[in-house]
Amino acid sequence: MGFPILSLLIALPLVAALICLFVSASAARWTALGATMITLLLGILLWTSYEIGGPQWQFVEHHELFGRFAWALGIDGIALLLIVLSVFLMPICIAASWEAIEKRVPEYMAAFLLMEALMIGVFAAQDLFLFYIFFEAGLIPMYLIIGIWGGANRIYASYKFFLYTLLGSVLMLIAMLWMANEAGSTSIPTLMAYDFPADAQTWLFLAFFASFAVKMPMWPVHTWLPDAHVQAPTAGSVILAGVLLKMGGYGFVRFSLPMFPIASAEWMWLIMGLSMIAVIATSLIALVQEDMKKLIAYSSVAHMA
């Protein structure tokens, strides 16, 4: 496929988000629905065009920007599934919000479209710092969605969500800077093939673990999720459970396992232990919940474990 379909998948929701900010509530709804339906069609085209058994990285785009930073996109089978999941859920979220959201509708639709673009960017990024930008920027629209259109305790829930996930990523950024300096590249495929020193792998693994464990989330850093789920509007809860939590698991598969294999094996006991606790504890907690959103939140922790 010759044209840059991944860039188009990211750009289309961004342009639609800008349009939503300058039109009426009704026009914003139709603009958001139309844009998400087009991205869904592009996602289907991406799915049907993907060559099973072909190169590991497909639909690759690479444009040098400045320094080591590049606009580098490409997907493998894992990223393909998550992108298709993202574009499939988004029209459902827009439709579910059609009458449920009555205040500041243009801003709400713009936030969801921005979220869609950033989610696709996370799964398509092939540059280390481009991934980090998409990964962290995704906090902003969800923070606004919870904080503005959420329930009675939305301010508390949005701050807790933002602080937990942001603080966990500071160590990952430091690790990324060290990796780029050590390997002399910010290309994710290059870093996946690079042999990092065994002693450094432990600290790198733990730095990435601090971010991805919160994002999944793993026990015991999962406490932001029930609050965020309960206070978020229904469509926000769908994106939280359906896509955002998967970013943490995607990070482990994309970075921790291939880049730090020695440390991954050494710290497997920690991952397995926390996962076993999460499966048992959060499942039991989910059994006694009367609030459907809180039940989904706790069961999501168990599922991701």
Protein backbone atom coordinates (compact mmCIF):
# COMPACT_ATOMS: atom_id res chain seq x y z
CA MET A 1 0.00 0.00 0.00
CA GLY A 2 1.57 3.23 -1.16
CA PHE A 3 -0.25 5.95 0.77
CA PRO A 4 0.52 6.68 4.47
CA ILE A 5 -2.54 5.04 6.01
CA LEU A 6 -1.19 5.17 9.58
CA SER A 7 -0.55 8.92 9.39
CA LEU A 8 -4.04 9.34 7.92
CA LEU A 9 -5.55 7.34 10.78
CA ILE A 10 -3.90 9.72 13.24
CA ALA A 11 -4.51 12.94 11.31
CA LEU A 12 -8.20 12.42 10.52
CA PRO A 13 -9.45 12.44 14.15
CA LEU A 14 -7.18 15.41 14.93
CA VAL A 15 -8.63 17.48 12.09
CA ALA A 16 -12.16 16.46 13.06
CA ALA A 17 -11.43 17.42 16.69
CA LEU A 18 -10.43 20.93 15.58
CA ILE A 19 -13.59 21.24 13.49
CA CYS A 20 -15.75 20.18 16.44
CA LEU A 21 -14.44 23.08 18.52
CA PHE A 22 -15.87 25.63 16.07
CA VAL A 23 -19.31 24.20 15.30
CA SER A 24 -22.61 23.71 17.11
CA ALA A 25 -23.40 20.77 19.39
CA SER A 26 -25.42 18.98 16.72
CA ALA A 27 -22.76 19.51 14.07
CA ALA A 28 -20.06 18.33 16.49
CA ARG A 29 -21.94 15.09 17.09
CA TRP A 30 -22.25 14.37 13.37
CA THR A 31 -18.66 15.42 12.69
CA ALA A 32 -17.37 13.08 15.40
CA LEU A 33 -19.54 10.20 14.23
CA GLY A 34 -18.54 10.71 10.60
CA ALA A 35 -14.83 10.93 11.43
CA THR A 36 -14.90 7.82 13.61
CA MET A 37 -16.80 5.87 10.96
CA ILE A 38 -14.20 6.84 8.35
CA THR A 39 -11.36 5.78 10.67
CA LEU A 40 -13.22 2.50 11.22
CA LEU A 41 -13.31 1.96 7.45
CA LEU A 42 -9.60 2.78 7.27
CA GLY A 43 -9.02 0.30 10.09
CA ILE A 44 -10.85 -2.38 8.13
CA LEU A 45 -8.73 -1.51 5.08
CA LEU A 46 -5.62 -1.80 7.26
CA TRP A 47 -6.80 -5.22 8.47
CA THR A 48 -7.54 -6.56 5.00
CA SER A 49 -4.28 -5.17 3.57
CA TYR A 50 -2.08 -6.65 6.28
CA GLU A 51 0.08 -9.42 4.84
CA ILE A 52 0.03 -12.45 7.14
CA GLY A 53 3.41 -14.14 7.00
CA GLY A 54 4.93 -11.03 5.45
CA PRO A 55 7.52 -8.65 6.94
CA GLN A 56 7.39 -8.13 10.70
CA TRP A 57 6.80 -4.39 10.27
CA GLN A 58 4.30 -3.26 7.68
CA PHE A 59 2.87 0.10 6.50
CA VAL A 60 6.18 1.64 7.59
CA GLU A 61 6.62 5.42 7.42
CA HIS A 62 9.81 7.21 8.38
CA HIS A 63 10.53 10.94 8.23
CA GLU A 64 13.48 12.48 10.03
CA LEU A 65 12.45 15.57 11.98
CA PHE A 66 15.28 16.88 14.18
CA GLY A 67 18.16 15.31 16.05
CA ARG A 68 17.34 11.67 16.66
CA PHE A 69 13.61 12.32 16.69
CA ALA A 70 11.65 10.97 13.73
CA TRP A 71 8.05 10.56 12.63
CA ALA A 72 8.33 6.79 12.42
CA LEU A 73 5.25 4.59 12.17
CA GLY A 74 4.71 0.91 11.47
CA ILE A 75 2.74 -2.02 12.82
CA ASP A 76 3.02 -5.73 13.44
CA GLY A 77 0.20 -8.16 14.21
CA ILE A 78 -0.15 -7.08 17.85
CA ALA A 79 -0.40 -3.39 17.00
CA LEU A 80 -2.85 -4.16 14.18
CA LEU A 81 -5.29 -5.86 16.55
CA LEU A 82 -5.17 -3.00 19.05
CA ILE A 83 -5.61 -0.32 16.39
CA VAL A 84 -8.62 -2.14 14.95
CA LEU A 85 -10.04 -2.46 18.47
CA SER A 86 -9.58 1.28 19.02
CA VAL A 87 -11.29 2.36 15.80
CA PHE A 88 -14.09 -0.17 16.36
CA LEU A 89 -14.96 1.12 19.85
CA MET A 90 -14.84 4.82 19.06
CA PRO A 91 -18.04 5.11 16.93
CA ILE A 92 -19.84 3.13 19.65
CA CYS A 93 -18.64 5.64 22.25
CA ILE A 94 -19.81 8.59 20.15
CA ALA A 95 -23.22 6.98 19.60
CA ALA A 96 -23.53 6.17 23.33
CA SER A 97 -22.88 9.83 24.14
CA TRP A 98 -25.36 11.19 21.60
CA GLU A 99 -28.05 12.13 24.11
CA ALA A 100 -26.25 11.35 27.36
CA ILE A 101 -23.94 14.37 27.04
CA GLU A 102 -25.71 17.72 26.94
CA LYS A 103 -23.16 20.24 28.21
CA ARG A 104 -20.11 21.39 26.22
CA VAL A 105 -20.79 18.83 23.51
CA PRO A 106 -18.24 20.17 20.97
CA GLU A 107 -15.42 19.97 23.53
CA TYR A 108 -16.52 16.47 24.57
CA MET A 109 -16.47 15.19 21.00
CA ALA A 110 -13.11 16.87 20.38
CA ALA A 111 -11.67 15.16 23.47
CA PHE A 112 -12.76 11.74 22.24
CA LEU A 113 -11.39 12.34 18.75
CA LEU A 114 -8.09 13.48 20.24
CA MET A 115 -8.06 10.35 22.38
CA GLU A 116 -8.58 8.19 19.28
CA ALA A 117 -5.65 9.79 17.46
CA LEU A 118 -3.35 9.36 20.45
CA MET A 119 -4.35 5.72 21.01
CA ILE A 120 -3.59 4.87 17.39
CA GLY A 121 -0.30 6.74 17.71
CA VAL A 122 0.74 4.66 20.72
CA PHE A 123 0.28 1.40 18.84
CA ALA A 124 1.77 2.63 15.56
CA ALA A 125 4.82 4.53 16.85
CA GLN A 126 8.22 3.14 15.91
CA ASP A 127 10.26 5.90 17.51
CA LEU A 128 10.93 5.73 21.24
CA PHE A 129 10.12 9.34 22.04
CA LEU A 130 7.21 9.49 19.61
CA PHE A 131 5.73 6.58 21.54
CA TYR A 132 6.31 8.42 24.82
CA ILE A 133 4.59 11.56 23.54
CA PHE A 134 1.52 9.63 22.40
CA PHE A 135 1.54 7.49 25.56
CA GLU A 136 1.61 10.45 27.94
CA ALA A 137 -0.53 12.82 25.88
CA GLY A 138 -3.34 10.29 26.11
CA LEU A 139 -3.70 11.29 29.76
CA ILE A 140 -4.91 14.76 28.84
CA PRO A 141 -8.21 14.03 27.02
CA MET A 142 -9.17 11.30 29.50
CA TYR A 143 -8.36 13.64 32.40
CA LEU A 144 -10.69 16.22 30.85
CA ILE A 145 -13.40 13.67 30.08
CA ILE A 146 -13.48 12.50 33.70
CA GLY A 147 -12.96 15.94 35.24
CA ILE A 148 -15.58 17.83 33.21
CA TRP A 149 -18.24 15.27 32.28
CA GLY A 150 -17.81 12.81 35.15
CA GLY A 151 -19.84 12.15 38.29
CA ALA A 152 -20.05 13.93 41.63
CA ASN A 153 -16.47 13.07 42.69
CA ARG A 154 -15.00 13.65 39.25
CA ILE A 155 -12.32 16.13 40.36
CA TYR A 156 -10.83 13.70 42.89
CA ALA A 157 -10.97 10.81 40.41
CA SER A 158 -9.42 12.80 37.56
CA TYR A 159 -6.54 14.09 39.69
CA LYS A 160 -5.88 10.60 41.05
CA PHE A 161 -5.91 9.14 37.54
CA PHE A 162 -3.58 11.83 36.23
CA LEU A 163 -1.06 11.74 39.08
CA TYR A 164 -0.81 7.95 39.29
CA THR A 165 -0.19 7.47 35.58
CA LEU A 166 2.05 10.52 35.14
CA LEU A 167 4.34 9.82 38.09
CA GLY A 168 4.79 6.24 36.96
CA SER A 169 6.12 7.44 33.61
CA VAL A 170 8.86 9.75 34.90
CA LEU A 171 11.23 6.84 35.49
CA MET A 172 10.42 5.45 32.06
CA LEU A 173 11.45 8.73 30.43
CA ILE A 174 14.81 8.66 32.25
CA ALA A 175 15.32 5.08 31.09
CA MET A 176 14.46 6.03 27.51
CA LEU A 177 17.03 8.83 27.51
CA TRP A 178 19.70 6.40 28.73
CA MET A 179 18.71 3.79 26.13
CA ALA A 180 18.86 6.29 23.27
CA ASN A 181 22.32 7.40 24.37
CA GLU A 182 23.55 3.82 24.85
CA ALA A 183 22.22 2.40 21.58
CA GLY A 184 22.68 5.57 19.53
CA SER A 185 19.16 5.25 18.15
CA THR A 186 15.55 5.90 19.10
CA SER A 187 14.16 3.40 16.61
CA ILE A 188 12.07 0.81 18.45
CA PRO A 189 12.93 -2.06 16.03
CA THR A 190 16.64 -1.19 16.44
CA LEU A 191 16.33 -1.11 20.23
CA MET A 192 14.50 -4.44 20.22
CA ALA A 193 17.53 -5.99 18.53
CA TYR A 194 20.10 -4.18 20.71
CA ASP A 195 21.86 -6.17 23.43
CA PHE A 196 21.70 -3.99 26.54
CA PRO A 197 24.18 -4.83 29.34
CA ALA A 198 22.76 -7.36 31.80
CA ASP A 199 23.32 -5.13 34.84
CA ALA A 200 21.57 -2.21 33.15
CA GLN A 201 18.61 -4.33 32.08
CA THR A 202 17.40 -4.66 35.67
CA TRP A 203 17.09 -0.91 36.20
CA LEU A 204 15.64 -0.36 32.76
CA PHE A 205 13.08 -3.11 33.32
CA LEU A 206 12.03 -1.65 36.68
CA ALA A 207 11.77 1.85 35.22
CA PHE A 208 9.44 0.66 32.45
CA PHE A 209 7.62 -1.55 34.94
CA ALA A 210 6.81 1.51 37.06
CA SER A 211 4.91 3.02 34.15
CA PHE A 212 3.26 -0.01 32.58
CA ALA A 213 2.20 -1.55 35.91
CA VAL A 214 0.24 1.61 36.75
CA LYS A 215 -1.26 1.80 33.27
CA MET A 216 -2.52 -1.82 33.17
CA PRO A 217 -3.06 -1.47 36.20
CA MET A 218 -1.41 -4.13 38.36
CA TRP A 219 -2.07 -4.70 42.04
CA PRO A 220 -1.36 -2.73 44.28
CA VAL A 221 -1.18 0.37 42.04
CA HIS A 222 -4.67 -0.23 40.68
CA THR A 223 -6.61 1.96 43.10
CA TRP A 224 -7.03 4.83 40.62
CA LEU A 225 -9.09 2.64 38.27
CA PRO A 226 -12.28 2.05 40.34
CA ASP A 227 -12.57 5.79 41.01
CA ALA A 228 -11.94 6.67 37.37
CA HIS A 229 -14.41 4.07 36.12
CA VAL A 230 -17.20 5.12 38.46
CA GLN A 231 -16.81 8.85 37.85
CA ALA A 232 -16.18 8.73 34.09
CA PRO A 233 -19.11 9.02 31.68
CA THR A 234 -20.13 5.68 30.18
CA ALA A 235 -18.17 6.19 26.96
CA GLY A 236 -15.09 7.10 28.99
CA SER A 237 -15.41 3.85 30.94
CA VAL A 238 -15.61 1.94 27.64
CA ILE A 239 -12.33 3.45 26.44
CA LEU A 240 -10.68 2.91 29.82
CA ALA A 241 -11.53 -0.78 29.95
CA GLY A 242 -11.39 -1.42 26.22
CA VAL A 243 -8.17 0.28 25.15
CA LEU A 244 -6.27 2.36 27.72
CA LEU A 245 -5.55 -0.54 30.05
CA LYS A 246 -4.22 -2.53 27.09
CA MET A 247 -1.53 0.11 26.61
CA GLY A 248 0.21 -1.19 29.73
CA GLY A 249 0.15 -4.77 28.48
CA TYR A 250 1.27 -3.61 25.05
CA GLY A 251 4.21 -1.83 26.67
CA PHE A 252 5.37 -5.00 28.40
CA VAL A 253 5.17 -6.97 25.14
CA ARG A 254 6.74 -4.27 22.97
CA PHE A 255 9.49 -3.07 25.31
CA SER A 256 10.14 -5.10 28.46
CA LEU A 257 10.22 -8.62 27.02
CA PRO A 258 12.24 -8.08 23.82
CA MET A 259 14.54 -5.30 25.07
CA PHE A 260 15.26 -6.62 28.58
CA PRO A 261 14.97 -10.42 28.30
CA ILE A 262 17.45 -11.17 31.09
CA ALA A 263 15.73 -8.85 33.56
CA SER A 264 12.31 -10.10 32.47
CA ALA A 265 13.33 -13.64 33.38
CA GLU A 266 14.88 -12.54 36.68
CA TRP A 267 11.82 -10.55 37.75
CA MET A 268 9.22 -12.99 36.46
CA TRP A 269 8.49 -14.03 40.05
CA LEU A 270 7.41 -10.48 40.87
CA ILE A 271 5.09 -10.23 37.87
CA MET A 272 3.60 -13.66 38.52
CA GLY A 273 3.17 -13.00 42.24
CA LEU A 274 1.44 -9.65 41.79
CA SER A 275 -0.74 -11.11 39.03
CA MET A 276 -1.84 -14.04 41.20
CA ILE A 277 -2.75 -11.68 44.04
CA ALA A 278 -4.63 -9.44 41.61
CA VAL A 279 -6.62 -12.30 40.08
CA ILE A 280 -7.77 -13.59 43.47
CA ALA A 281 -8.18 -10.34 45.42
CA THR A 282 -9.82 -8.16 42.78
CA SER A 283 -12.11 -10.98 41.63
CA LEU A 284 -13.38 -11.42 45.19
CA ILE A 285 -13.84 -7.66 45.53
CA ALA A 286 -15.71 -7.58 42.21
CA LEU A 287 -18.14 -10.24 43.48
CA VAL A 288 -19.50 -7.95 46.20
CA GLN A 289 -19.84 -4.79 44.12
CA GLU A 290 -23.29 -3.30 43.61
CA ASP A 291 -22.10 -0.59 41.23
CA MET A 292 -21.73 -1.99 37.70
CA LYS A 293 -18.88 0.35 36.77
CA LYS A 294 -16.92 -0.55 39.89
CA LEU A 295 -17.51 -4.24 39.18
CA ILE A 296 -16.11 -3.77 35.67
CA ALA A 297 -13.13 -1.87 37.09
CA TYR A 298 -12.12 -4.61 39.51
CA SER A 299 -12.77 -7.38 37.01
CA SER A 300 -10.62 -5.49 34.48
CA VAL A 301 -7.69 -5.61 36.91
CA ALA A 302 -8.15 -9.37 37.21
CA HIS A 303 -8.47 -9.79 33.44
CA MET A 304 -5.32 -7.78 32.71
CA ALA A 305 -3.39 -9.77 35.31
